[in-house]
Amino acid sequence: IAEKYNINPSLLSSLNGIDEKDYVYPNQQILIPKADYSYYITKDGDTILTASNIFKVTKDRLLSENETIYLLPGQVLVNKRK
């Protein structure tokens, strides 16, 4: 899948919470990263401010580009590159 979409296999597995050697089953839904976006997988202790600093954007922009932010470890946040 990573080869088909020209994506780093580590990023693909991280975004989907699977090991690179895990099987993907028919009808299993996986996230395919878009080319113009940056991704960050949250860790314990992250805040909106620390996440916005990672992307180098305002808190408001980060909130507007992510439908729901829980800041639980393992949540994927996105930022559209401009």
C-alpha atoms as a PDB file:
ATOM      1  CA  ILE A   1       0.000   0.000   0.000  1.00  0.00           C
ATOM      2  CA  ALA A   2       2.825   2.395   0.898  1.00  0.00           C
ATOM      3  CA  GLU A   3       4.494   1.733  -2.438  1.00  0.00           C
ATOM      4  CA  LYS A   4       1.242   2.169  -4.374  1.00  0.00           C
ATOM      5  CA  TYR A   5       0.618   5.606  -2.836  1.00  0.00           C
ATOM      6  CA  ASN A   6       4.315   6.593  -2.652  1.00  0.00           C
ATOM      7  CA  ILE A   7       4.186   6.959   1.143  1.00  0.00           C
ATOM      8  CA  ASN A   8       6.823   6.209   3.747  1.00  0.00           C
ATOM      9  CA  PRO A   9       5.845   2.823   5.253  1.00  0.00           C
ATOM     10  CA  SER A  10       6.743   4.023   8.768  1.00  0.00           C
ATOM     11  CA  LEU A  11       4.369   6.996   8.456  1.00  0.00           C
ATOM     12  CA  LEU A  12       1.601   4.772   7.100  1.00  0.00           C
ATOM     13  CA  SER A  13       1.942   2.262   9.929  1.00  0.00           C
ATOM     14  CA  SER A  14       2.224   4.993  12.599  1.00  0.00           C
ATOM     15  CA  LEU A  15      -0.885   6.801  11.358  1.00  0.00           C
ATOM     16  CA  ASN A  16      -2.827   3.564  11.536  1.00  0.00           C
ATOM     17  CA  GLY A  17      -1.425   2.213  14.800  1.00  0.00           C
ATOM     18  CA  ILE A  18      -0.110  -0.938  13.203  1.00  0.00           C
ATOM     19  CA  ASP A  19       3.298  -2.525  12.786  1.00  0.00           C
ATOM     20  CA  GLU A  20       4.862  -2.321   9.322  1.00  0.00           C
ATOM     21  CA  LYS A  21       4.769  -6.127   9.138  1.00  0.00           C
ATOM     22  CA  ASP A  22       1.097  -6.439  10.142  1.00  0.00           C
ATOM     23  CA  TYR A  23      -1.415  -7.674   7.609  1.00  0.00           C
ATOM     24  CA  VAL A  24      -4.107  -5.390   6.233  1.00  0.00           C
ATOM     25  CA  TYR A  25      -7.345  -7.261   5.757  1.00  0.00           C
ATOM     26  CA  PRO A  26     -10.073  -6.837   3.128  1.00  0.00           C
ATOM     27  CA  ASN A  27     -12.472  -4.008   4.050  1.00  0.00           C
ATOM     28  CA  GLN A  28     -10.126  -2.763   6.802  1.00  0.00           C
ATOM     29  CA  GLN A  29     -10.104   1.024   6.837  1.00  0.00           C
ATOM     30  CA  ILE A  30      -6.719   2.729   6.939  1.00  0.00           C
ATOM     31  CA  LEU A  31      -5.630   6.354   6.780  1.00  0.00           C
ATOM     32  CA  ILE A  32      -3.721   7.371   3.647  1.00  0.00           C
ATOM     33  CA  PRO A  33      -1.842  10.655   4.211  1.00  0.00           C
ATOM     34  CA  LYS A  34      -2.428  13.462   1.746  1.00  0.00           C
ATOM     35  CA  ALA A  35       0.585  15.013   0.035  1.00  0.00           C
ATOM     36  CA  ASP A  36       0.040  18.607   1.193  1.00  0.00           C
ATOM     37  CA  TYR A  37      -0.420  17.829   4.886  1.00  0.00           C
ATOM     38  CA  SER A  38       1.860  17.373   7.873  1.00  0.00           C
ATOM     39  CA  TYR A  39       0.963  14.833  10.536  1.00  0.00           C
ATOM     40  CA  TYR A  40       1.693  14.558  14.237  1.00  0.00           C
ATOM     41  CA  ILE A  41       0.767  11.703  16.543  1.00  0.00           C
ATOM     42  CA  THR A  42       0.108  13.050  20.019  1.00  0.00           C
ATOM     43  CA  LYS A  43       1.908  11.853  23.116  1.00  0.00           C
ATOM     44  CA  ASP A  44       1.013  11.902  26.795  1.00  0.00           C
ATOM     45  CA  GLY A  45       1.230  15.458  28.127  1.00  0.00           C
ATOM     46  CA  ASP A  46       0.675  17.249  24.800  1.00  0.00           C
ATOM     47  CA  THR A  47      -1.451  20.385  24.819  1.00  0.00           C
ATOM     48  CA  ILE A  48      -2.995  22.473  22.053  1.00  0.00           C
ATOM     49  CA  LEU A  49      -0.123  24.921  22.528  1.00  0.00           C
ATOM     50  CA  THR A  50       2.618  22.282  22.230  1.00  0.00           C
ATOM     51  CA  ALA A  51       0.930  20.751  19.178  1.00  0.00           C
ATOM     52  CA  SER A  52       0.517  24.154  17.493  1.00  0.00           C
ATOM     53  CA  ASN A  53       4.211  24.887  18.183  1.00  0.00           C
ATOM     54  CA  ILE A  54       5.201  21.619  16.495  1.00  0.00           C
ATOM     55  CA  PHE A  55       3.348  22.691  13.336  1.00  0.00           C
ATOM     56  CA  LYS A  56       4.445  26.337  13.789  1.00  0.00           C
ATOM     57  CA  VAL A  57       0.833  27.550  13.462  1.00  0.00           C
ATOM     58  CA  THR A  58      -1.605  29.343  15.738  1.00  0.00           C
ATOM     59  CA  LYS A  59      -3.844  27.415  18.098  1.00  0.00           C
ATOM     60  CA  ASP A  60      -6.868  28.686  16.129  1.00  0.00           C
ATOM     61  CA  ARG A  61      -5.514  27.333  12.846  1.00  0.00           C
ATOM     62  CA  LEU A  62      -4.741  23.955  14.408  1.00  0.00           C
ATOM     63  CA  LEU A  63      -8.254  23.764  15.821  1.00  0.00           C
ATOM     64  CA  SER A  64      -9.842  24.760  12.501  1.00  0.00           C
ATOM     65  CA  GLU A  65      -7.934  22.054  10.588  1.00  0.00           C
ATOM     66  CA  ASN A  66      -8.811  19.234  12.994  1.00  0.00           C
ATOM     67  CA  GLU A  67     -12.470  18.371  13.454  1.00  0.00           C
ATOM     68  CA  THR A  68     -11.988  16.980  16.971  1.00  0.00           C
ATOM     69  CA  ILE A  69      -8.976  17.198  19.258  1.00  0.00           C
ATOM     70  CA  TYR A  70      -8.930  15.077  22.398  1.00  0.00           C
ATOM     71  CA  LEU A  71      -5.137  15.132  22.899  1.00  0.00           C
ATOM     72  CA  LEU A  72      -5.135  11.521  23.954  1.00  0.00           C
ATOM     73  CA  PRO A  73      -1.860   9.741  23.252  1.00  0.00           C
ATOM     74  CA  GLY A  74      -1.899   8.385  19.723  1.00  0.00           C
ATOM     75  CA  GLN A  75      -4.334  10.899  18.207  1.00  0.00           C
ATOM     76  CA  VAL A  76      -3.333  12.016  14.722  1.00  0.00           C
ATOM     77  CA  LEU A  77      -3.360  15.781  14.150  1.00  0.00           C
ATOM     78  CA  VAL A  78      -3.014  17.302  10.683  1.00  0.00           C
ATOM     79  CA  ASN A  79      -1.829  20.616   9.303  1.00  0.00           C
ATOM     80  CA  LYS A  80      -2.194  21.735   5.684  1.00  0.00           C
ATOM     81  CA  ARG A  81       1.119  23.007   4.381  1.00  0.00           C
ATOM     82  CA  LYS A  82       0.887  26.355   2.700  1.00  0.00           C
END
